PDB file of all heavy atoms in Angstrom:
ATOM      1  N   ASN A   1      59.228 115.862  87.845  1.00  0.00           N
ATOM      2  CA  ASN A   1      60.146 115.791  88.980  1.00  0.00           C
ATOM      3  C   ASN A   1      61.575 115.993  88.459  1.00  0.00           C
ATOM      4  O   ASN A   1      62.201 115.080  87.938  1.00  0.00           O
ATOM      5  CB  ASN A   1      60.020 114.437  89.678  1.00  0.00           C
ATOM      6  CG  ASN A   1      60.768 114.401  91.002  1.00  0.00           C
ATOM      7  OD1 ASN A   1      61.824 114.985  91.151  1.00  0.00           O
ATOM      8  ND2 ASN A   1      60.199 113.688  91.976  1.00  0.00           N
ATOM      9  N   LYS A   2      62.088 117.219  88.598  1.00  0.00           N
ATOM     10  CA  LYS A   2      63.415 117.537  88.071  1.00  0.00           C
ATOM     11  C   LYS A   2      64.515 116.746  88.763  1.00  0.00           C
ATOM     12  O   LYS A   2      65.508 116.365  88.143  1.00  0.00           O
ATOM     13  CB  LYS A   2      63.674 119.036  88.209  1.00  0.00           C
ATOM     14  CG  LYS A   2      62.825 119.891  87.280  1.00  0.00           C
ATOM     15  CD  LYS A   2      63.198 121.360  87.385  1.00  0.00           C
ATOM     16  CE  LYS A   2      62.356 122.198  86.427  1.00  0.00           C
ATOM     17  NZ  LYS A   2      62.704 123.645  86.503  1.00  0.00           N
ATOM     18  N   LEU A   3      64.349 116.504  90.069  1.00  0.00           N
ATOM     19  CA  LEU A   3      65.356 115.739  90.798  1.00  0.00           C
ATOM     20  C   LEU A   3      65.456 114.317  90.244  1.00  0.00           C
ATOM     21  O   LEU A   3      66.554 113.777  90.076  1.00  0.00           O
ATOM     22  CB  LEU A   3      65.017 115.700  92.285  1.00  0.00           C
ATOM     23  CG  LEU A   3      65.986 114.894  93.163  1.00  0.00           C
ATOM     24  CD1 LEU A   3      67.387 115.485  93.094  1.00  0.00           C
ATOM     25  CD2 LEU A   3      65.482 114.840  94.605  1.00  0.00           C
ATOM     26  N   LYS A   4      64.320 113.739  89.954  1.00  0.00           N
ATOM     27  CA  LYS A   4      64.297 112.393  89.394  1.00  0.00           C
ATOM     28  C   LYS A   4      65.019 112.361  88.037  1.00  0.00           C
ATOM     29  O   LYS A   4      65.761 111.431  87.725  1.00  0.00           O
ATOM     30  CB  LYS A   4      62.848 111.915  89.235  1.00  0.00           C
ATOM     31  CG  LYS A   4      62.713 110.418  88.934  1.00  0.00           C
ATOM     32  CD  LYS A   4      61.262 110.025  88.746  1.00  0.00           C
ATOM     33  CE  LYS A   4      60.464 110.148  90.034  1.00  0.00           C
ATOM     34  NZ  LYS A   4      59.086 109.618  89.859  1.00  0.00           N
ATOM     35  N   THR A   5      64.806 113.410  87.234  1.00  0.00           N
ATOM     36  CA  THR A   5      65.471 113.500  85.931  1.00  0.00           C
ATOM     37  C   THR A   5      66.979 113.620  86.086  1.00  0.00           C
ATOM     38  O   THR A   5      67.746 112.982  85.348  1.00  0.00           O
ATOM     39  CB  THR A   5      64.939 114.719  85.139  1.00  0.00           C
ATOM     40  OG1 THR A   5      63.520 114.591  84.969  1.00  0.00           O
ATOM     41  CG2 THR A   5      65.597 114.807  83.775  1.00  0.00           C
ATOM     42  N   ILE A   6      67.426 114.433  87.068  1.00  0.00           N
ATOM     43  CA  ILE A   6      68.865 114.604  87.303  1.00  0.00           C
ATOM     44  C   ILE A   6      69.507 113.284  87.735  1.00  0.00           C
ATOM     45  O   ILE A   6      70.569 112.899  87.251  1.00  0.00           O
ATOM     46  CB  ILE A   6      69.111 115.697  88.361  1.00  0.00           C
ATOM     47  CG1 ILE A   6      68.700 117.064  87.815  1.00  0.00           C
ATOM     48  CG2 ILE A   6      70.583 115.718  88.787  1.00  0.00           C
ATOM     49  CD1 ILE A   6      68.700 118.163  88.860  1.00  0.00           C
ATOM     50  N   VAL A   7      68.837 112.581  88.657  1.00  0.00           N
ATOM     51  CA  VAL A   7      69.354 111.293  89.130  1.00  0.00           C
ATOM     52  C   VAL A   7      69.401 110.291  87.983  1.00  0.00           C
ATOM     53  O   VAL A   7      70.394 109.560  87.804  1.00  0.00           O
ATOM     54  CB  VAL A   7      68.487 110.753  90.289  1.00  0.00           C
ATOM     55  CG1 VAL A   7      68.874 109.322  90.637  1.00  0.00           C
ATOM     56  CG2 VAL A   7      68.613 111.649  91.514  1.00  0.00           C
ATOM     57  N   TYR A   8      68.336 110.275  87.188  1.00  0.00           N
ATOM     58  CA  TYR A   8      68.281 109.343  86.062  1.00  0.00           C
ATOM     59  C   TYR A   8      69.392 109.639  85.056  1.00  0.00           C
ATOM     60  O   TYR A   8      70.071 108.719  84.570  1.00  0.00           O
ATOM     61  CB  TYR A   8      66.915 109.428  85.380  1.00  0.00           C
ATOM     62  CG  TYR A   8      66.774 108.461  84.221  1.00  0.00           C
ATOM     63  CD1 TYR A   8      66.448 107.135  84.448  1.00  0.00           C
ATOM     64  CD2 TYR A   8      66.983 108.893  82.916  1.00  0.00           C
ATOM     65  CE1 TYR A   8      66.331 106.247  83.390  1.00  0.00           C
ATOM     66  CE2 TYR A   8      66.864 108.010  81.857  1.00  0.00           C
ATOM     67  CZ  TYR A   8      66.535 106.694  82.101  1.00  0.00           C
ATOM     68  OH  TYR A   8      66.428 105.817  81.059  1.00  0.00           O
ATOM     69  N   PHE A   9      69.593 110.905  84.736  1.00  0.00           N
ATOM     70  CA  PHE A   9      70.626 111.296  83.782  1.00  0.00           C
ATOM     71  C   PHE A   9      72.015 110.909  84.299  1.00  0.00           C
ATOM     72  O   PHE A   9      72.874 110.454  83.537  1.00  0.00           O
ATOM     73  CB  PHE A   9      70.559 112.807  83.533  1.00  0.00           C
ATOM     74  CG  PHE A   9      71.616 113.319  82.585  1.00  0.00           C
ATOM     75  CD1 PHE A   9      71.681 112.857  81.281  1.00  0.00           C
ATOM     76  CD2 PHE A   9      72.541 114.260  83.014  1.00  0.00           C
ATOM     77  CE1 PHE A   9      72.662 113.326  80.411  1.00  0.00           C
ATOM     78  CE2 PHE A   9      73.516 114.741  82.152  1.00  0.00           C
ATOM     79  CZ  PHE A   9      73.571 114.270  80.847  1.00  0.00           C
ATOM     80  N   THR A  10      72.232 111.057  85.600  1.00  0.00           N
ATOM     81  CA  THR A  10      73.518 110.674  86.195  1.00  0.00           C
ATOM     82  C   THR A  10      73.763 109.178  86.037  1.00  0.00           C
ATOM     83  O   THR A  10      74.854 108.756  85.624  1.00  0.00           O
ATOM     84  CB  THR A  10      73.552 111.043  87.684  1.00  0.00           C
ATOM     85  OG1 THR A  10      73.294 112.439  87.839  1.00  0.00           O
ATOM     86  CG2 THR A  10      74.906 110.705  88.302  1.00  0.00           C
ATOM     87  N   ILE A  11      72.754 108.378  86.346  1.00  0.00           N
ATOM     88  CA  ILE A  11      72.901 106.927  86.223  1.00  0.00           C
ATOM     89  C   ILE A  11      73.062 106.537  84.758  1.00  0.00           C
ATOM     90  O   ILE A  11      73.820 105.615  84.424  1.00  0.00           O
ATOM     91  CB  ILE A  11      71.702 106.205  86.860  1.00  0.00           C
ATOM     92  CG1 ILE A  11      71.593 106.561  88.342  1.00  0.00           C
ATOM     93  CG2 ILE A  11      71.838 104.695  86.708  1.00  0.00           C
ATOM     94  CD1 ILE A  11      70.366 106.005  89.035  1.00  0.00           C
ATOM     95  N   LEU A  12      72.372 107.249  83.874  1.00  0.00           N
ATOM     96  CA  LEU A  12      72.488 106.983  82.438  1.00  0.00           C
ATOM     97  C   LEU A  12      73.929 107.179  81.967  1.00  0.00           C
ATOM     98  O   LEU A  12      74.462 106.362  81.197  1.00  0.00           O
ATOM     99  CB  LEU A  12      71.547 107.899  81.656  1.00  0.00           C
ATOM    100  CG  LEU A  12      71.288 107.546  80.185  1.00  0.00           C
ATOM    101  CD1 LEU A  12      70.495 106.259  80.076  1.00  0.00           C
ATOM    102  CD2 LEU A  12      70.542 108.690  79.493  1.00  0.00           C
ATOM    103  N   ILE A  13      74.560 108.239  82.440  1.00  0.00           N
ATOM    104  CA  ILE A  13      75.972 108.476  82.099  1.00  0.00           C
ATOM    105  C   ILE A  13      76.855 107.371  82.669  1.00  0.00           C
ATOM    106  O   ILE A  13      77.759 106.869  81.990  1.00  0.00           O
ATOM    107  CB  ILE A  13      76.429 109.857  82.612  1.00  0.00           C
ATOM    108  CG1 ILE A  13      75.758 110.969  81.799  1.00  0.00           C
ATOM    109  CG2 ILE A  13      77.946 109.989  82.529  1.00  0.00           C
ATOM    110  CD1 ILE A  13      76.158 112.362  82.233  1.00  0.00           C
ATOM    111  N   ILE A  14      76.581 106.970  83.899  1.00  0.00           N
ATOM    112  CA  ILE A  14      77.402 105.936  84.546  1.00  0.00           C
ATOM    113  C   ILE A  14      77.365 104.635  83.752  1.00  0.00           C
ATOM    114  O   ILE A  14      78.405 104.027  83.481  1.00  0.00           O
ATOM    115  CB  ILE A  14      76.925 105.701  85.992  1.00  0.00           C
ATOM    116  CG1 ILE A  14      77.248 106.910  86.866  1.00  0.00           C
ATOM    117  CG2 ILE A  14      77.568 104.442  86.580  1.00  0.00           C
ATOM    118  CD1 ILE A  14      76.652 106.846  88.259  1.00  0.00           C
ATOM    119  N   ILE A  15      76.179 104.192  83.344  1.00  0.00           N
ATOM    120  CA  ILE A  15      76.088 102.898  82.669  1.00  0.00           C
ATOM    121  C   ILE A  15      76.569 102.949  81.219  1.00  0.00           C
ATOM    122  O   ILE A  15      76.632 101.910  80.550  1.00  0.00           O
ATOM    123  CB  ILE A  15      74.649 102.332  82.711  1.00  0.00           C
ATOM    124  CG1 ILE A  15      73.700 103.220  81.902  1.00  0.00           C
ATOM    125  CG2 ILE A  15      74.172 102.158  84.140  1.00  0.00           C
ATOM    126  CD1 ILE A  15      72.353 102.573  81.658  1.00  0.00           C
ATOM    127  N   HIS A  16      76.909 104.132  80.737  1.00  0.00           N
ATOM    128  CA  HIS A  16      77.490 104.247  79.397  1.00  0.00           C
ATOM    129  C   HIS A  16      78.994 104.498  79.432  1.00  0.00           C
ATOM    130  O   HIS A  16      79.649 104.401  78.381  1.00  0.00           O
ATOM    131  CB  HIS A  16      76.823 105.390  78.619  1.00  0.00           C
ATOM    132  CG  HIS A  16      75.471 105.046  78.079  1.00  0.00           C
ATOM    133  ND1 HIS A  16      74.347 105.044  78.850  1.00  0.00           N
ATOM    134  CD2 HIS A  16      75.075 104.676  76.829  1.00  0.00           C
ATOM    135  CE1 HIS A  16      73.296 104.713  78.106  1.00  0.00           C
ATOM    136  NE2 HIS A  16      73.715 104.478  76.886  1.00  0.00           N
ATOM    137  N   THR A  17      79.532 104.816  80.590  1.00  0.00           N
ATOM    138  CA  THR A  17      80.936 105.238  80.628  1.00  0.00           C
ATOM    139  C   THR A  17      81.793 104.528  81.671  1.00  0.00           C
ATOM    140  O   THR A  17      83.008 104.441  81.503  1.00  0.00           O
ATOM    141  CB  THR A  17      81.025 106.751  80.897  1.00  0.00           C
ATOM    142  OG1 THR A  17      80.414 107.055  82.161  1.00  0.00           O
ATOM    143  CG2 THR A  17      80.315 107.539  79.806  1.00  0.00           C
ATOM    144  N   VAL A  18      81.202 104.046  82.755  1.00  0.00           N
ATOM    145  CA  VAL A  18      81.971 103.391  83.809  1.00  0.00           C
ATOM    146  C   VAL A  18      82.014 101.900  83.525  1.00  0.00           C
ATOM    147  O   VAL A  18      80.998 101.207  83.638  1.00  0.00           O
ATOM    148  CB  VAL A  18      81.353 103.659  85.202  1.00  0.00           C
ATOM    149  CG1 VAL A  18      82.175 102.948  86.273  1.00  0.00           C
ATOM    150  CG2 VAL A  18      81.300 105.158  85.476  1.00  0.00           C
ATOM    151  N   HIS A  19      83.178 101.421  83.141  1.00  0.00           N
ATOM    152  CA  HIS A  19      83.303 100.033  82.676  1.00  0.00           C
ATOM    153  C   HIS A  19      83.591  99.098  83.848  1.00  0.00           C
ATOM    154  O   HIS A  19      84.688  98.547  83.988  1.00  0.00           O
ATOM    155  CB  HIS A  19      84.382  99.937  81.602  1.00  0.00           C
ATOM    156  CG  HIS A  19      84.018 100.676  80.355  1.00  0.00           C
ATOM    157  ND1 HIS A  19      83.223 100.134  79.371  1.00  0.00           N
ATOM    158  CD2 HIS A  19      84.300 101.934  79.947  1.00  0.00           C
ATOM    159  CE1 HIS A  19      83.050 101.015  78.402  1.00  0.00           C
ATOM    160  NE2 HIS A  19      83.684 102.129  78.737  1.00  0.00           N
ATOM    161  N   LEU A  20      82.569  98.929  84.672  1.00  0.00           N
ATOM    162  CA  LEU A  20      82.636  98.001  85.791  1.00  0.00           C
ATOM    163  C   LEU A  20      82.224  96.616  85.307  1.00  0.00           C
ATOM    164  O   LEU A  20      81.131  96.446  84.753  1.00  0.00           O
ATOM    165  CB  LEU A  20      81.709  98.470  86.922  1.00  0.00           C
ATOM    166  CG  LEU A  20      81.602  97.559  88.137  1.00  0.00           C
ATOM    167  CD1 LEU A  20      82.942  97.463  88.847  1.00  0.00           C
ATOM    168  CD2 LEU A  20      80.512  98.067  89.083  1.00  0.00           C
ATOM    169  N   LYS A  21      83.093  95.638  85.491  1.00  0.00           N
ATOM    170  CA  LYS A  21      82.821  94.292  84.994  1.00  0.00           C
ATOM    171  C   LYS A  21      82.344  93.382  86.108  1.00  0.00           C
ATOM    172  O   LYS A  21      82.969  93.297  87.170  1.00  0.00           O
ATOM    173  CB  LYS A  21      84.061  93.696  84.336  1.00  0.00           C
ATOM    174  CG  LYS A  21      84.391  94.298  82.978  1.00  0.00           C
ATOM    175  CD  LYS A  21      85.486  93.516  82.274  1.00  0.00           C
ATOM    176  CE  LYS A  21      85.733  94.066  80.878  1.00  0.00           C
ATOM    177  NZ  LYS A  21      86.761  93.283  80.154  1.00  0.00           N
ATOM    178  N   ILE A  22      81.232  92.722  85.871  1.00  0.00           N
ATOM    179  CA  ILE A  22      80.749  91.653  86.743  1.00  0.00           C
ATOM    180  C   ILE A  22      80.969  90.359  85.978  1.00  0.00           C
ATOM    181  O   ILE A  22      80.261  90.063  85.017  1.00  0.00           O
ATOM    182  CB  ILE A  22      79.269  91.847  87.110  1.00  0.00           C
ATOM    183  CG1 ILE A  22      79.079  93.189  87.812  1.00  0.00           C
ATOM    184  CG2 ILE A  22      78.777  90.696  87.972  1.00  0.00           C
ATOM    185  CD1 ILE A  22      77.635  93.495  88.157  1.00  0.00           C
ATOM    186  N   PHE A  23      81.974  89.626  86.381  1.00  0.00           N
ATOM    187  CA  PHE A  23      82.509  88.523  85.586  1.00  0.00           C
ATOM    188  C   PHE A  23      82.932  89.096  84.225  1.00  0.00           C
ATOM    189  O   PHE A  23      83.814  89.918  84.169  1.00  0.00           O
ATOM    190  CB  PHE A  23      81.505  87.376  85.482  1.00  0.00           C
ATOM    191  CG  PHE A  23      81.164  86.775  86.825  1.00  0.00           C
ATOM    192  CD1 PHE A  23      79.983  87.073  87.476  1.00  0.00           C
ATOM    193  CD2 PHE A  23      82.073  85.926  87.450  1.00  0.00           C
ATOM    194  CE1 PHE A  23      79.695  86.531  88.724  1.00  0.00           C
ATOM    195  CE2 PHE A  23      81.796  85.380  88.699  1.00  0.00           C
ATOM    196  CZ  PHE A  23      80.609  85.693  89.343  1.00  0.00           C
ATOM    197  N   GLN A  24      82.277  88.729  83.130  1.00  0.00           N
ATOM    198  CA  GLN A  24      82.656  89.287  81.829  1.00  0.00           C
ATOM    199  C   GLN A  24      81.625  90.271  81.302  1.00  0.00           C
ATOM    200  O   GLN A  24      81.752  90.763  80.181  1.00  0.00           O
ATOM    201  CB  GLN A  24      82.858  88.155  80.811  1.00  0.00           C
ATOM    202  CG  GLN A  24      84.081  87.297  81.112  1.00  0.00           C
ATOM    203  CD  GLN A  24      84.384  86.335  79.985  1.00  0.00           C
ATOM    204  OE1 GLN A  24      83.676  86.252  79.000  1.00  0.00           O
ATOM    205  NE2 GLN A  24      85.460  85.589  80.136  1.00  0.00           N
ATOM    206  N   PHE A  25      80.638  90.595  82.083  1.00  0.00           N
ATOM    207  CA  PHE A  25      79.603  91.532  81.656  1.00  0.00           C
ATOM    208  C   PHE A  25      80.030  92.945  82.012  1.00  0.00           C
ATOM    209  O   PHE A  25      80.138  93.302  83.183  1.00  0.00           O
ATOM    210  CB  PHE A  25      78.268  91.192  82.320  1.00  0.00           C
ATOM    211  CG  PHE A  25      77.093  91.899  81.702  1.00  0.00           C
ATOM    212  CD1 PHE A  25      76.421  91.349  80.627  1.00  0.00           C
ATOM    213  CD2 PHE A  25      76.665  93.123  82.202  1.00  0.00           C
ATOM    214  CE1 PHE A  25      75.338  91.988  80.059  1.00  0.00           C
ATOM    215  CE2 PHE A  25      75.587  93.780  81.638  1.00  0.00           C
ATOM    216  CZ  PHE A  25      74.917  93.205  80.564  1.00  0.00           C
ATOM    217  N   ASP A  26      80.296  93.756  80.992  1.00  0.00           N
ATOM    218  CA  ASP A  26      80.776  95.129  81.162  1.00  0.00           C
ATOM    219  C   ASP A  26      79.567  96.066  81.243  1.00  0.00           C
ATOM    220  O   ASP A  26      78.889  96.307  80.250  1.00  0.00           O
ATOM    221  CB  ASP A  26      81.675  95.512  79.982  1.00  0.00           C
ATOM    222  CG  ASP A  26      82.355  96.857  80.170  1.00  0.00           C
ATOM    223  OD1 ASP A  26      81.862  97.660  80.986  1.00  0.00           O
ATOM    224  OD2 ASP A  26      83.372  97.111  79.502  1.00  0.00           O
ATOM    225  N   LEU A  27      79.320  96.615  82.423  1.00  0.00           N
ATOM    226  CA  LEU A  27      78.149  97.470  82.622  1.00  0.00           C
ATOM    227  C   LEU A  27      78.221  98.742  81.776  1.00  0.00           C
ATOM    228  O   LEU A  27      77.189  99.293  81.390  1.00  0.00           O
ATOM    229  CB  LEU A  27      78.011  97.842  84.100  1.00  0.00           C
ATOM    230  CG  LEU A  27      77.765  96.680  85.071  1.00  0.00           C
ATOM    231  CD1 LEU A  27      77.666  97.199  86.502  1.00  0.00           C
ATOM    232  CD2 LEU A  27      76.506  95.915  84.700  1.00  0.00           C
ATOM    233  N   GLY A  28      79.433  99.222  81.489  1.00  0.00           N
ATOM    234  CA  GLY A  28      79.592 100.418  80.695  1.00  0.00           C
ATOM    235  C   GLY A  28      79.503 100.191  79.199  1.00  0.00           C
ATOM    236  O   GLY A  28      79.579 101.136  78.413  1.00  0.00           O
ATOM    237  N   ARG A  29      79.341  98.959  78.785  1.00  0.00           N
ATOM    238  CA  ARG A  29      79.246  98.632  77.363  1.00  0.00           C
ATOM    239  C   ARG A  29      78.028  97.776  77.057  1.00  0.00           C
ATOM    240  O   ARG A  29      77.218  98.103  76.185  1.00  0.00           O
ATOM    241  CB  ARG A  29      80.515  97.904  76.915  1.00  0.00           C
ATOM    242  CG  ARG A  29      80.531  97.542  75.423  1.00  0.00           C
ATOM    243  CD  ARG A  29      81.678  96.587  75.119  1.00  0.00           C
ATOM    244  NE  ARG A  29      81.504  95.315  75.816  1.00  0.00           N
ATOM    245  CZ  ARG A  29      82.454  94.399  75.959  1.00  0.00           C
ATOM    246  NH1 ARG A  29      83.661  94.634  75.495  1.00  0.00           N
ATOM    247  NH2 ARG A  29      82.208  93.252  76.602  1.00  0.00           N
ATOM    248  N   ASP A  30      77.875  96.675  77.765  1.00  0.00           N
ATOM    249  CA  ASP A  30      76.890  95.661  77.386  1.00  0.00           C
ATOM    250  C   ASP A  30      75.455  96.059  77.691  1.00  0.00           C
ATOM    251  O   ASP A  30      74.524  95.419  77.196  1.00  0.00           O
ATOM    252  CB  ASP A  30      77.223  94.328  78.072  1.00  0.00           C
ATOM    253  CG  ASP A  30      78.581  93.789  77.631  1.00  0.00           C
ATOM    254  OD1 ASP A  30      78.918  93.987  76.448  1.00  0.00           O
ATOM    255  OD2 ASP A  30      79.294  93.194  78.454  1.00  0.00           O
ATOM    256  N   LEU A  31      75.257  97.114  78.489  1.00  0.00           N
ATOM    257  CA  LEU A  31      73.898  97.584  78.749  1.00  0.00           C
ATOM    258  C   LEU A  31      73.376  98.506  77.646  1.00  0.00           C
ATOM    259  O   LEU A  31      72.195  98.857  77.648  1.00  0.00           O
ATOM    260  CB  LEU A  31      73.833  98.302  80.101  1.00  0.00           C
ATOM    261  CG  LEU A  31      73.933  97.394  81.337  1.00  0.00           C
ATOM    262  CD1 LEU A  31      73.955  98.229  82.608  1.00  0.00           C
ATOM    263  CD2 LEU A  31      72.787  96.393  81.375  1.00  0.00           C
ATOM    264  N   HIS A  32      74.258  98.912  76.715  1.00  0.00           N
ATOM    265  CA  HIS A  32      73.755  99.708  75.585  1.00  0.00           C
ATOM    266  C   HIS A  32      74.234  99.188  74.227  1.00  0.00           C
ATOM    267  O   HIS A  32      73.850  99.720  73.193  1.00  0.00           O
ATOM    268  CB  HIS A  32      74.103 101.191  75.741  1.00  0.00           C
ATOM    269  CG  HIS A  32      75.561 101.513  75.588  1.00  0.00           C
ATOM    270  ND1 HIS A  32      76.484 101.333  76.589  1.00  0.00           N
ATOM    271  CD2 HIS A  32      76.267 102.030  74.550  1.00  0.00           C
ATOM    272  CE1 HIS A  32      77.670 101.722  76.185  1.00  0.00           C
ATOM    273  NE2 HIS A  32      77.578 102.146  74.935  1.00  0.00           N
ATOM    274  N   TYR A  33      75.067  98.145  74.222  1.00  0.00           N
ATOM    275  CA  TYR A  33      75.434  97.469  72.976  1.00  0.00           C
ATOM    276  C   TYR A  33      74.377  96.430  72.636  1.00  0.00           C
ATOM    277  O   TYR A  33      73.675  95.927  73.522  1.00  0.00           O
ATOM    278  CB  TYR A  33      76.777  96.755  73.136  1.00  0.00           C
ATOM    279  CG  TYR A  33      77.983  97.588  72.776  1.00  0.00           C
ATOM    280  CD1 TYR A  33      78.067  98.943  73.100  1.00  0.00           C
ATOM    281  CD2 TYR A  33      79.063  97.017  72.120  1.00  0.00           C
ATOM    282  CE1 TYR A  33      79.188  99.688  72.772  1.00  0.00           C
ATOM    283  CE2 TYR A  33      80.190  97.747  71.796  1.00  0.00           C
ATOM    284  CZ  TYR A  33      80.248  99.088  72.120  1.00  0.00           C
ATOM    285  OH  TYR A  33      81.358  99.822  71.795  1.00  0.00           O
ATOM    286  N   GLY A  34      74.303  96.094  71.347  1.00  0.00           N
ATOM    287  CA  GLY A  34      73.479  94.967  70.938  1.00  0.00           C
ATOM    288  C   GLY A  34      74.281  93.682  70.989  1.00  0.00           C
ATOM    289  O   GLY A  34      75.421  93.651  71.474  1.00  0.00           O
ATOM    290  N   VAL A  35      73.703  92.608  70.467  1.00  0.00           N
ATOM    291  CA  VAL A  35      74.415  91.335  70.413  1.00  0.00           C
ATOM    292  C   VAL A  35      75.356  91.335  69.216  1.00  0.00           C
ATOM    293  O   VAL A  35      75.312  92.220  68.358  1.00  0.00           O
ATOM    294  CB  VAL A  35      73.430  90.150  70.318  1.00  0.00           C
ATOM    295  CG1 VAL A  35      72.502  90.115  71.518  1.00  0.00           C
ATOM    296  CG2 VAL A  35      72.621  90.194  69.010  1.00  0.00           C
ATOM    297  N   ALA A  36      76.221  90.336  69.156  1.00  0.00           N
ATOM    298  CA  ALA A  36      77.121  90.112  68.017  1.00  0.00           C
ATOM    299  C   ALA A  36      78.067  91.281  67.772  1.00  0.00           C
ATOM    300  O   ALA A  36      78.462  91.546  66.636  1.00  0.00           O
ATOM    301  CB  ALA A  36      76.320  89.803  66.752  1.00  0.00           C
ATOM    302  N   GLY A  37      78.427  91.996  68.826  1.00  0.00           N
ATOM    303  CA  GLY A  37      79.355  93.099  68.675  1.00  0.00           C
ATOM    304  C   GLY A  37      78.807  94.280  67.899  1.00  0.00           C
ATOM    305  O   GLY A  37      79.564  95.102  67.379  1.00  0.00           O
TER     306      GLY A  37
END
């Protein structure tokens, strides 16, 4: 399903680059960083 791949790739970019913070949890960083910095 190419459409599914395109949508997934778009969201993948968003969660790596859009630094939306929910309290102190940075969606653009903490969803692909490990613990301890």
